[in-house]
Amino acid sequence: MFENKKILILGMARSGYEAAKILIKKNNRVVLNDSKSEDSQNEEQVSELKKLGVELVFGSHPDELLDKSFSYLIKNPGVPIDHKYVLKAKELGIEVINEVELAYRMLPNDITLIGITGTNGKTTTTTLTYEVLKEAYKDRVHLAGNIGYPLCSFLDKLKKDDIIVMEVSCQQGENIKEFRPHIGLFTNISEAHIDFMKTFDHYKEVKSRMFYNQDSNDISIINMENDEVMNELKNVKSQVKYFSSKNEINGCYIKNGFIYYYDEQVMEISNIKIPGIHNLENCLGAIMIAKELDVDNKVIDKVLSNFRGVEHRLEYVDTIDDVRYYNDTEATNIKCTQIALASFVEPTTIILGGLERGQNFDDLAPYMKNVSNIIGIGECRNRVKEFGDNLNIPTYIFEKLSDGFKKCVEVTEKGGIVLLSPASASWDQYKECEIRGAEFKRYVNDIKEN
């Protein structure tokens, strides 16, 4: 399938790099194009690809580069869906796929593929599932996908009966065609990434695509409490199984302080350390997958009881002077911050703000009942101030997180929460939101040491 062809890879990053290495080994002529200059790329990766014979075109997207001599265009998930090469490829009849689809078509038949998607919770659910299965099946289990490890990077390592746990983003879903997990899980869906996906309907269709590729031998696991997911997947051909955080159902559910799987008691809820109903749902989903693969309840309990959260996603940092600190820097939109605020009943000081892109802070109002103080930072801090003043919540604004954090320590009462959940991207001051989260954690550690 992918042999003796001419293939254009659009976008370097991790997925482009791994795709190029796989394709060049199969006697393909591989051209990799990225708009960033060669100086801004990973020097070792560039050197390796050159030695392998990959043709590299950096710094621009020349109009003449793509022509009908190419058999495939492999698009990096981050490249816009209406990029000029994508549109031209469709005009020329060149198939446009991504690294996920490429790797899927090359996967051996004797492995188990687990695909997890959703608007929120997919990274936590993927990580939980991986940790549980890793405890049960050791080096047979691999973590792949949007969580940072391209599927192509595992193709040379897989052995019979291996298990791949994969997070699938909407950007990855955009250019899949045949990709089909043996077990698929859909956490929830709400409006997001519309700037990339163009419409909510298209976003939902892309998110659902891998489930509609499944057949009756496959399993779809669905959050029964999310009406949009229930509606989107109502016509799938797979075996559909459900979990619910609110109702006793034929599936995975909660009853009298315990989690049950089809009436089998699995573990106590109180053993789960990560806060919030959304994280409880993430645990239910992970348990569903684990039980489908015959994992013992003692293993599930052990892993979930010791899981402290994914870094930068409602991550517990520390407790100092009876104040708990949480890093939720990945909350770059209003929906994520709503989820974070709903996770606590203690008096909360929340840090809001960052890049100005018109986010509507008023949508947070119904979730602010336990908020005692608001710290506004970054480019949109003045709008944060206006929002807080309208709610009569003490609000303090600062350009930098460093100054805002000092105010958090000053105003947060004992027994309270300090929550970095900005509802804003970080690009006004940081290259990526993880840097903002790391800075927050450093400040927490500083006050502990002092």
Protein backbone atom coordinates (compact mmCIF):
# COMPACT_ATOMS: atom_id res chain seq x y z
CA MET A 1 0.00 0.00 0.00
CA PHE A 2 2.65 2.51 1.03
CA GLU A 3 5.51 1.22 -1.07
CA ASN A 4 7.27 2.66 -4.13
CA LYS A 5 5.12 5.80 -4.00
CA LYS A 6 5.78 9.53 -3.98
CA ILE A 7 4.40 10.97 -0.74
CA LEU A 8 4.21 14.52 0.63
CA ILE A 9 4.18 15.00 4.38
CA LEU A 10 2.76 18.39 5.37
CA GLY A 11 4.08 19.51 8.75
CA MET A 12 7.07 18.24 10.71
CA ALA A 13 6.52 18.01 14.48
CA ARG A 14 6.51 14.57 16.06
CA SER A 15 3.97 12.94 13.75
CA GLY A 16 5.59 14.17 10.54
CA TYR A 17 9.00 13.03 11.70
CA GLU A 18 7.79 9.54 12.63
CA ALA A 19 5.74 9.17 9.44
CA ALA A 20 8.73 10.11 7.30
CA LYS A 21 10.94 7.50 8.98
CA ILE A 22 8.40 4.73 8.39
CA LEU A 23 7.67 5.66 4.78
CA ILE A 24 11.27 6.07 3.65
CA LYS A 25 12.01 2.50 4.81
CA LYS A 26 9.44 1.22 2.32
CA ASN A 27 11.20 2.56 -0.73
CA ASN A 28 8.97 5.61 -1.06
CA ARG A 29 10.11 8.98 -2.29
CA VAL A 30 9.25 11.14 0.71
CA VAL A 31 9.05 14.93 0.66
CA LEU A 32 8.47 16.69 3.99
CA ASN A 33 7.35 20.31 3.95
CA ASP A 34 7.04 22.67 6.91
CA SER A 35 6.50 26.44 6.96
CA LYS A 36 9.00 26.92 9.80
CA SER A 37 12.65 27.42 8.93
CA GLU A 38 15.18 24.63 9.27
CA ASP A 39 16.83 26.51 12.15
CA SER A 40 13.63 26.22 14.19
CA GLN A 41 13.39 22.45 13.76
CA ASN A 42 14.93 19.73 15.93
CA GLU A 43 18.49 19.54 14.64
CA GLU A 44 18.95 15.83 15.36
CA GLN A 45 15.67 14.90 13.66
CA VAL A 46 16.50 16.97 10.58
CA SER A 47 19.93 15.36 10.34
CA GLU A 48 18.46 11.87 10.69
CA LEU A 49 15.84 12.46 7.99
CA LYS A 50 18.45 13.84 5.59
CA LYS A 51 20.62 10.76 6.08
CA LEU A 52 17.63 8.52 5.41
CA GLY A 53 16.99 10.32 2.12
CA VAL A 54 13.90 12.33 2.99
CA GLU A 55 13.63 15.50 0.90
CA LEU A 56 13.07 18.47 3.23
CA VAL A 57 11.43 21.74 2.17
CA PHE A 58 11.39 24.25 5.02
CA GLY A 59 10.40 27.90 5.33
CA SER A 60 7.36 28.11 3.04
CA HIS A 61 4.76 26.15 1.10
CA PRO A 62 5.78 26.62 -2.56
CA ASP A 63 2.80 26.56 -4.92
CA GLU A 64 4.62 24.28 -7.35
CA LEU A 65 5.62 21.66 -4.77
CA LEU A 66 2.40 19.63 -4.88
CA ASP A 67 1.42 18.11 -8.20
CA LYS A 68 -0.35 15.00 -9.49
CA SER A 69 2.85 12.92 -9.26
CA PHE A 70 2.15 12.41 -5.53
CA SER A 71 0.11 9.41 -4.37
CA TYR A 72 -0.62 10.63 -0.85
CA LEU A 73 -0.62 13.79 1.25
CA ILE A 74 0.03 13.03 4.92
CA LYS A 75 -1.27 16.06 6.85
CA ASN A 76 -0.05 16.92 10.33
CA PRO A 77 -3.10 17.17 12.64
CA GLY A 78 -2.27 20.81 13.47
CA VAL A 79 -2.38 21.96 9.83
CA PRO A 80 -5.65 23.78 8.98
CA ILE A 81 -8.25 21.65 7.23
CA ASP A 82 -8.48 24.24 4.43
CA HIS A 83 -4.73 24.55 3.82
CA LYS A 84 -3.96 25.22 0.15
CA TYR A 85 -2.20 21.86 -0.27
CA VAL A 86 -5.19 20.03 1.19
CA LEU A 87 -7.57 21.76 -1.21
CA LYS A 88 -5.25 21.21 -4.16
CA ALA A 89 -4.76 17.54 -3.30
CA LYS A 90 -8.50 17.02 -3.40
CA GLU A 91 -8.67 18.72 -6.80
CA LEU A 92 -5.90 16.44 -8.09
CA GLY A 93 -7.47 13.30 -6.64
CA ILE A 94 -4.62 12.76 -4.15
CA GLU A 95 -5.72 10.99 -0.98
CA VAL A 96 -5.30 13.16 2.15
CA ILE A 97 -4.74 11.23 5.37
CA ASN A 98 -2.82 11.78 8.59
CA GLU A 99 -0.19 9.93 10.58
CA VAL A 100 -2.87 8.09 12.60
CA GLU A 101 -4.53 6.71 9.48
CA LEU A 102 -1.17 5.88 7.93
CA ALA A 103 -0.09 3.90 11.00
CA TYR A 104 -3.47 2.20 11.34
CA ARG A 105 -3.26 0.79 7.81
CA MET A 106 0.12 -0.69 8.71
CA LEU A 107 -0.83 -2.18 12.10
CA PRO A 108 -0.58 -5.96 12.54
CA ASN A 109 -3.86 -7.83 12.97
CA ASP A 110 -2.97 -9.50 16.26
CA ILE A 111 -3.01 -6.42 18.53
CA THR A 112 -5.82 -4.74 20.46
CA LEU A 113 -6.44 -1.07 19.66
CA ILE A 114 -8.25 1.15 22.17
CA GLY A 115 -9.33 4.63 20.99
CA ILE A 116 -10.51 7.29 23.43
CA THR A 117 -11.98 10.63 22.39
CA GLY A 118 -14.24 13.40 23.67
CA THR A 119 -14.22 17.14 24.26
CA ASN A 120 -13.06 16.91 27.86
CA GLY A 121 -11.54 14.14 29.92
CA LYS A 122 -9.95 12.15 27.11
CA THR A 123 -6.37 12.66 28.33
CA THR A 124 -7.21 11.69 31.91
CA THR A 125 -9.27 8.68 30.78
CA THR A 126 -6.52 7.59 28.39
CA THR A 127 -3.88 7.91 31.10
CA LEU A 128 -6.02 6.06 33.66
CA THR A 129 -6.72 3.26 31.19
CA TYR A 130 -3.06 2.95 30.28
CA GLU A 131 -1.93 2.87 33.92
CA VAL A 132 -4.46 0.17 34.84
CA LEU A 133 -3.64 -1.99 31.81
CA LYS A 134 0.08 -1.44 32.32
CA GLU A 135 -0.22 -2.71 35.87
CA ALA A 136 -2.07 -5.78 34.60
CA TYR A 137 -0.20 -6.58 31.38
CA LYS A 138 3.19 -4.85 31.79
CA ASP A 139 5.18 -4.24 28.59
CA ARG A 140 2.40 -5.48 26.35
CA VAL A 141 0.72 -2.07 26.74
CA HIS A 142 1.65 1.07 24.76
CA LEU A 143 0.43 4.68 25.13
CA ALA A 144 -0.12 6.50 21.82
CA GLY A 145 -1.86 9.31 20.00
CA ASN A 146 -2.67 12.87 20.97
CA ILE A 147 -1.13 12.35 24.38
CA GLY A 148 2.25 12.84 22.69
CA TYR A 149 3.36 9.57 21.15
CA PRO A 150 2.69 9.12 17.40
CA LEU A 151 1.21 5.75 16.49
CA CYS A 152 3.86 5.36 13.77
CA SER A 153 6.57 5.25 16.44
CA PHE A 154 5.28 1.87 17.68
CA LEU A 155 5.04 0.02 14.37
CA ASP A 156 8.48 -1.58 14.64
CA LYS A 157 7.99 -2.52 18.31
CA LEU A 158 4.64 -4.29 18.37
CA LYS A 159 4.35 -7.97 19.24
CA LYS A 160 1.48 -10.41 19.10
CA ASP A 161 -1.29 -9.62 21.64
CA ASP A 162 0.06 -6.15 22.45
CA ILE A 163 -2.42 -3.47 23.51
CA ILE A 164 -2.39 0.14 22.28
CA VAL A 165 -4.20 2.77 24.35
CA MET A 166 -4.67 5.84 22.19
CA GLU A 167 -6.07 9.32 22.72
CA VAL A 168 -7.70 10.61 19.53
CA SER A 169 -8.22 14.38 19.08
CA CYS A 170 -10.60 16.01 16.64
CA GLN A 171 -7.61 17.17 14.61
CA GLN A 172 -6.50 13.56 14.29
CA GLY A 173 -10.04 12.45 13.53
CA GLU A 174 -10.31 14.89 10.64
CA ASN A 175 -8.27 12.83 8.19
CA ILE A 176 -9.00 9.27 9.28
CA LYS A 177 -10.94 7.05 6.90
CA GLU A 178 -10.49 3.43 7.92
CA PHE A 179 -9.17 3.88 11.49
CA ARG A 180 -11.22 1.62 13.74
CA PRO A 181 -10.50 0.79 17.39
CA HIS A 182 -11.50 -2.58 18.77
CA ILE A 183 -12.71 -0.69 21.84
CA GLY A 184 -13.74 2.95 21.44
CA LEU A 185 -14.73 5.27 24.29
CA PHE A 186 -16.48 8.65 23.97
CA THR A 187 -16.21 10.71 27.18
CA ASN A 188 -18.52 13.62 26.28
CA ILE A 189 -19.00 16.28 23.65
CA SER A 190 -19.62 20.02 23.73
CA GLU A 191 -18.82 22.90 21.42
CA ALA A 192 -15.06 23.34 21.01
CA HIS A 193 -12.35 23.88 18.38
CA ILE A 194 -14.81 25.60 16.07
CA ASP A 195 -12.04 27.90 14.84
CA PHE A 196 -10.31 24.78 13.47
CA MET A 197 -13.29 22.56 12.60
CA LYS A 198 -15.41 25.45 11.18
CA THR A 199 -18.80 24.17 12.48
CA PHE A 200 -20.07 22.25 15.52
CA ASP A 201 -21.78 19.74 13.24
CA HIS A 202 -18.50 18.98 11.50
CA TYR A 203 -16.74 18.70 14.87
CA LYS A 204 -19.31 16.16 16.06
CA GLU A 205 -19.10 14.18 12.82
CA VAL A 206 -15.31 14.00 13.03
CA LYS A 207 -15.41 12.95 16.68
CA SER A 208 -17.88 10.17 15.84
CA ARG A 209 -16.16 8.89 12.71
CA MET A 210 -14.04 6.16 14.29
CA PHE A 211 -17.13 4.68 15.97
CA TYR A 212 -18.99 4.48 12.66
CA ASN A 213 -16.00 2.61 11.21
CA GLN A 214 -16.52 -0.13 13.80
CA ASP A 215 -18.44 -3.34 13.13
CA SER A 216 -20.36 -5.80 15.30
CA ASN A 217 -17.15 -7.36 16.62
CA ASP A 218 -16.07 -4.04 18.16
CA ILE A 219 -17.17 -2.27 21.32
CA SER A 220 -18.28 1.35 21.82
CA ILE A 221 -18.34 2.67 25.39
CA ILE A 222 -20.53 5.71 25.89
CA ASN A 223 -21.20 8.21 28.68
CA MET A 224 -24.96 7.87 29.13
CA GLU A 225 -25.14 11.27 30.84
CA ASN A 226 -24.04 13.16 27.72
CA ASP A 227 -27.04 13.61 25.43
CA GLU A 228 -24.94 14.82 22.49
CA VAL A 229 -22.84 11.64 22.54
CA MET A 230 -25.91 9.44 22.89
CA ASN A 231 -27.47 11.16 19.89
CA GLU A 232 -24.34 11.11 17.75
CA LEU A 233 -23.70 7.39 18.21
CA LYS A 234 -27.29 6.13 18.06
CA ASN A 235 -26.74 4.35 14.74
CA VAL A 236 -23.37 2.67 15.26
CA LYS A 237 -23.01 -1.03 14.35
CA SER A 238 -20.74 -1.96 17.26
CA GLN A 239 -21.66 -3.49 20.60
CA VAL A 240 -22.63 -0.45 22.68
CA LYS A 241 -21.98 -0.37 26.42
CA TYR A 242 -22.65 2.44 28.87
CA PHE A 243 -21.42 4.11 32.03
CA SER A 244 -23.32 6.59 34.19
CA SER A 245 -22.36 8.80 37.13
CA LYS A 246 -26.01 9.45 38.04
CA ASN A 247 -28.10 6.35 37.46
CA GLU A 248 -27.98 2.64 38.21
CA ILE A 249 -27.77 1.14 34.71
CA ASN A 250 -26.90 -2.03 32.84
CA GLY A 251 -23.24 -1.14 32.66
CA CYS A 252 -20.85 0.74 34.95
CA TYR A 253 -22.50 2.85 37.66
CA ILE A 254 -22.35 4.15 41.23
CA LYS A 255 -24.36 2.81 44.15
CA ASN A 256 -24.04 3.37 47.91
CA GLY A 257 -20.53 4.75 47.68
CA PHE A 258 -19.20 2.00 45.39
CA ILE A 259 -18.53 1.63 41.67
CA TYR A 260 -20.23 -1.35 40.07
CA TYR A 261 -19.65 -3.07 36.75
CA TYR A 262 -22.78 -4.99 35.76
CA ASP A 263 -23.68 -5.51 39.43
CA GLU A 264 -20.13 -6.57 40.33
CA GLN A 265 -18.69 -4.34 43.05
CA VAL A 266 -15.36 -2.95 41.83
CA MET A 267 -14.14 -0.34 44.35
CA GLU A 268 -15.10 2.38 46.81
CA ILE A 269 -15.55 5.88 45.42
CA SER A 270 -13.77 7.36 48.43
CA ASN A 271 -10.52 5.72 47.26
CA ILE A 272 -10.45 7.96 44.18
CA LYS A 273 -8.31 11.02 44.88
CA ILE A 274 -8.86 13.19 41.79
CA PRO A 275 -11.70 15.69 42.43
CA GLY A 276 -14.92 16.31 40.55
CA ILE A 277 -17.81 14.40 38.98
CA HIS A 278 -16.07 14.65 35.61
CA ASN A 279 -13.09 12.73 36.97
CA LEU A 280 -15.42 10.14 38.44
CA GLU A 281 -16.83 9.68 34.93
CA ASN A 282 -13.29 9.36 33.58
CA CYS A 283 -12.69 6.58 36.12
CA LEU A 284 -15.91 4.83 35.13
CA GLY A 285 -14.83 4.85 31.50
CA ALA A 286 -11.39 3.49 32.32
CA ILE A 287 -12.94 0.76 34.47
CA MET A 288 -15.25 -0.24 31.59
CA ILE A 289 -12.26 -0.73 29.28
CA ALA A 290 -10.25 -2.58 31.93
CA LYS A 291 -13.10 -5.00 32.63
CA GLU A 292 -13.51 -5.69 28.91
CA LEU A 293 -9.89 -6.87 29.03
CA ASP A 294 -10.41 -8.98 32.15
CA VAL A 295 -8.40 -6.87 34.58
CA ASP A 296 -8.81 -7.90 38.22
CA ASN A 297 -10.67 -5.48 40.52
CA LYS A 298 -7.71 -5.38 42.93
CA VAL A 299 -5.52 -4.01 40.13
CA ILE A 300 -8.13 -1.40 39.20
CA ASP A 301 -8.51 -0.31 42.83
CA LYS A 302 -4.76 -0.10 43.36
CA VAL A 303 -4.12 2.12 40.32
CA LEU A 304 -7.14 4.41 40.66
CA SER A 305 -6.53 4.85 44.40
CA ASN A 306 -3.00 6.08 43.76
CA PHE A 307 -3.70 8.21 40.68
CA ARG A 308 -3.17 11.92 41.39
CA GLY A 309 -4.19 13.33 38.03
CA VAL A 310 -2.65 14.26 34.71
CA GLU A 311 -0.12 17.08 34.88
CA HIS A 312 -1.68 20.51 34.20
CA ARG A 313 -5.25 19.15 34.21
CA LEU A 314 -6.80 19.92 37.61
CA GLU A 315 -3.51 18.65 39.02
CA TYR A 316 -3.19 18.65 42.80
CA VAL A 317 0.10 20.40 43.60
CA ASP A 318 0.33 20.63 47.39
CA THR A 319 -1.32 21.71 50.64
CA ILE A 320 0.42 24.55 52.48
CA ASP A 321 -0.91 26.21 55.63
CA ASP A 322 -4.22 24.35 55.14
CA VAL A 323 -4.68 25.74 51.60
CA ARG A 324 -4.79 23.32 48.65
CA TYR A 325 -3.26 24.37 45.33
CA TYR A 326 -4.46 23.04 41.96
CA ASN A 327 -2.86 23.56 38.56
CA ASP A 328 -5.45 23.49 35.76
CA THR A 329 -3.52 25.53 33.19
CA GLU A 330 -4.87 23.30 30.40
CA ALA A 331 -8.26 24.93 31.02
CA THR A 332 -7.88 27.27 28.06
CA ASN A 333 -11.63 27.58 27.44
CA ILE A 334 -14.72 28.40 29.47
CA LYS A 335 -16.07 24.83 29.51
CA CYS A 336 -12.94 23.43 31.16
CA THR A 337 -13.02 26.10 33.86
CA GLN A 338 -16.70 25.39 34.50
CA ILE A 339 -15.76 21.75 35.13
CA ALA A 340 -12.94 22.78 37.46
CA LEU A 341 -15.13 25.14 39.50
CA ALA A 342 -17.80 22.44 39.84
CA SER A 343 -15.21 20.16 41.43
CA PHE A 344 -14.88 22.11 44.70
CA VAL A 345 -17.20 23.18 47.50
CA GLU A 346 -14.47 24.89 49.54
CA PRO A 347 -13.88 28.68 49.39
CA THR A 348 -11.86 29.17 46.20
CA THR A 349 -9.49 31.78 44.86
CA ILE A 350 -9.43 31.38 41.09
CA ILE A 351 -6.85 32.74 38.66
CA LEU A 352 -8.49 33.74 35.37
CA GLY A 353 -7.16 35.33 32.20
CA GLY A 354 -4.54 35.20 29.51
CA LEU A 355 -4.84 35.70 25.77
CA GLU A 356 -7.65 38.00 24.68
CA ARG A 357 -9.85 36.19 22.20
CA GLY A 358 -13.30 37.28 23.22
CA GLN A 359 -14.04 34.47 25.67
CA ASN A 360 -17.29 35.09 27.55
CA PHE A 361 -16.48 35.00 31.27
CA ASP A 362 -20.16 35.57 32.05
CA ASP A 363 -20.72 31.89 31.20
CA LEU A 364 -18.79 31.09 34.38
CA ALA A 365 -21.27 32.96 36.59
CA PRO A 366 -23.44 29.93 37.53
CA TYR A 367 -20.29 28.12 38.73
CA MET A 368 -18.92 30.89 40.97
CA LYS A 369 -20.92 30.26 44.16
CA ASN A 370 -17.88 28.98 46.07
CA VAL A 371 -15.44 31.57 44.69
CA SER A 372 -14.23 34.00 47.34
CA ASN A 373 -11.61 35.85 45.28
CA ILE A 374 -10.72 36.31 41.62
CA ILE A 375 -7.22 37.06 40.36
CA GLY A 376 -7.17 38.42 36.81
CA ILE A 377 -3.96 38.11 34.80
CA GLY A 378 -2.72 38.62 31.27
CA GLU A 379 -4.06 40.43 28.27
CA CYS A 380 -7.75 40.16 29.18
CA ARG A 381 -7.38 40.98 32.89
CA ASN A 382 -9.54 44.11 32.66
CA ARG A 383 -12.49 42.07 31.42
CA VAL A 384 -11.89 39.63 34.27
CA LYS A 385 -12.10 42.59 36.64
CA GLU A 386 -15.39 43.71 35.09
CA PHE A 387 -16.77 40.17 35.39
CA GLY A 388 -15.78 39.87 39.05
CA ASP A 389 -17.10 43.30 39.97
CA ASN A 390 -20.47 42.46 38.41
CA LEU A 391 -20.68 39.43 40.71
CA ASN A 392 -19.52 41.44 43.75
CA ILE A 393 -16.60 39.07 44.22
CA PRO A 394 -13.30 40.71 45.31
CA THR A 395 -11.22 40.85 42.13
CA TYR A 396 -7.57 41.84 41.77
CA ILE A 397 -5.76 42.23 38.46
CA PHE A 398 -2.11 41.88 37.56
CA GLU A 399 -0.26 41.57 34.30
CA LYS A 400 1.96 38.71 35.47
CA LEU A 401 1.15 35.44 37.19
CA SER A 402 3.99 36.05 39.64
CA ASP A 403 2.24 39.08 41.15
CA GLY A 404 -1.18 37.46 41.00
CA PHE A 405 0.08 34.41 42.87
CA LYS A 406 1.36 36.56 45.75
CA LYS A 407 -2.15 37.97 46.10
CA CYS A 408 -3.61 34.45 46.15
CA VAL A 409 -1.50 33.55 49.15
CA GLU A 410 -2.53 36.77 50.89
CA VAL A 411 -6.30 36.51 50.40
CA THR A 412 -7.09 32.77 50.51
CA GLU A 413 -8.48 31.60 53.83
CA LYS A 414 -7.41 28.42 55.62
CA GLY A 415 -9.30 25.40 54.37
CA GLY A 416 -9.61 27.03 50.96
CA ILE A 417 -8.48 26.32 47.42
CA VAL A 418 -6.17 28.22 45.06
CA LEU A 419 -7.09 27.24 41.53
CA LEU A 420 -5.23 28.17 38.36
CA SER A 421 -7.95 27.55 35.76
CA PRO A 422 -7.64 30.54 33.42
CA ALA A 423 -10.38 29.87 30.82
CA SER A 424 -7.86 31.46 28.46
CA ALA A 425 -5.01 30.48 26.21
CA SER A 426 -1.52 31.42 27.38
CA TRP A 427 -0.02 32.77 24.15
CA ASP A 428 -0.09 36.39 25.29
CA GLN A 429 2.89 35.63 27.57
CA TYR A 430 3.87 31.97 27.16
CA LYS A 431 4.80 29.73 24.25
CA GLU A 432 2.50 27.06 25.64
CA CYS A 433 0.14 26.72 28.59
CA GLU A 434 2.30 24.03 30.21
CA ILE A 435 4.95 26.69 30.89
CA ARG A 436 2.31 28.73 32.73
CA GLY A 437 1.40 25.67 34.81
CA ALA A 438 5.03 24.88 35.61
CA GLU A 439 5.52 28.46 36.78
CA PHE A 440 2.49 28.19 39.06
CA LYS A 441 3.84 24.97 40.58
CA ARG A 442 7.21 26.59 41.12
CA TYR A 443 5.59 29.38 43.11
CA VAL A 444 3.75 26.82 45.26
CA ASN A 445 7.01 25.00 45.95
CA ASP A 446 8.71 28.30 46.79
CA ILE A 447 6.27 29.16 49.55
CA LYS A 448 6.57 25.64 50.95
CA GLU A 449 10.36 25.91 51.11
CA ASN A 450 10.20 29.35 52.67
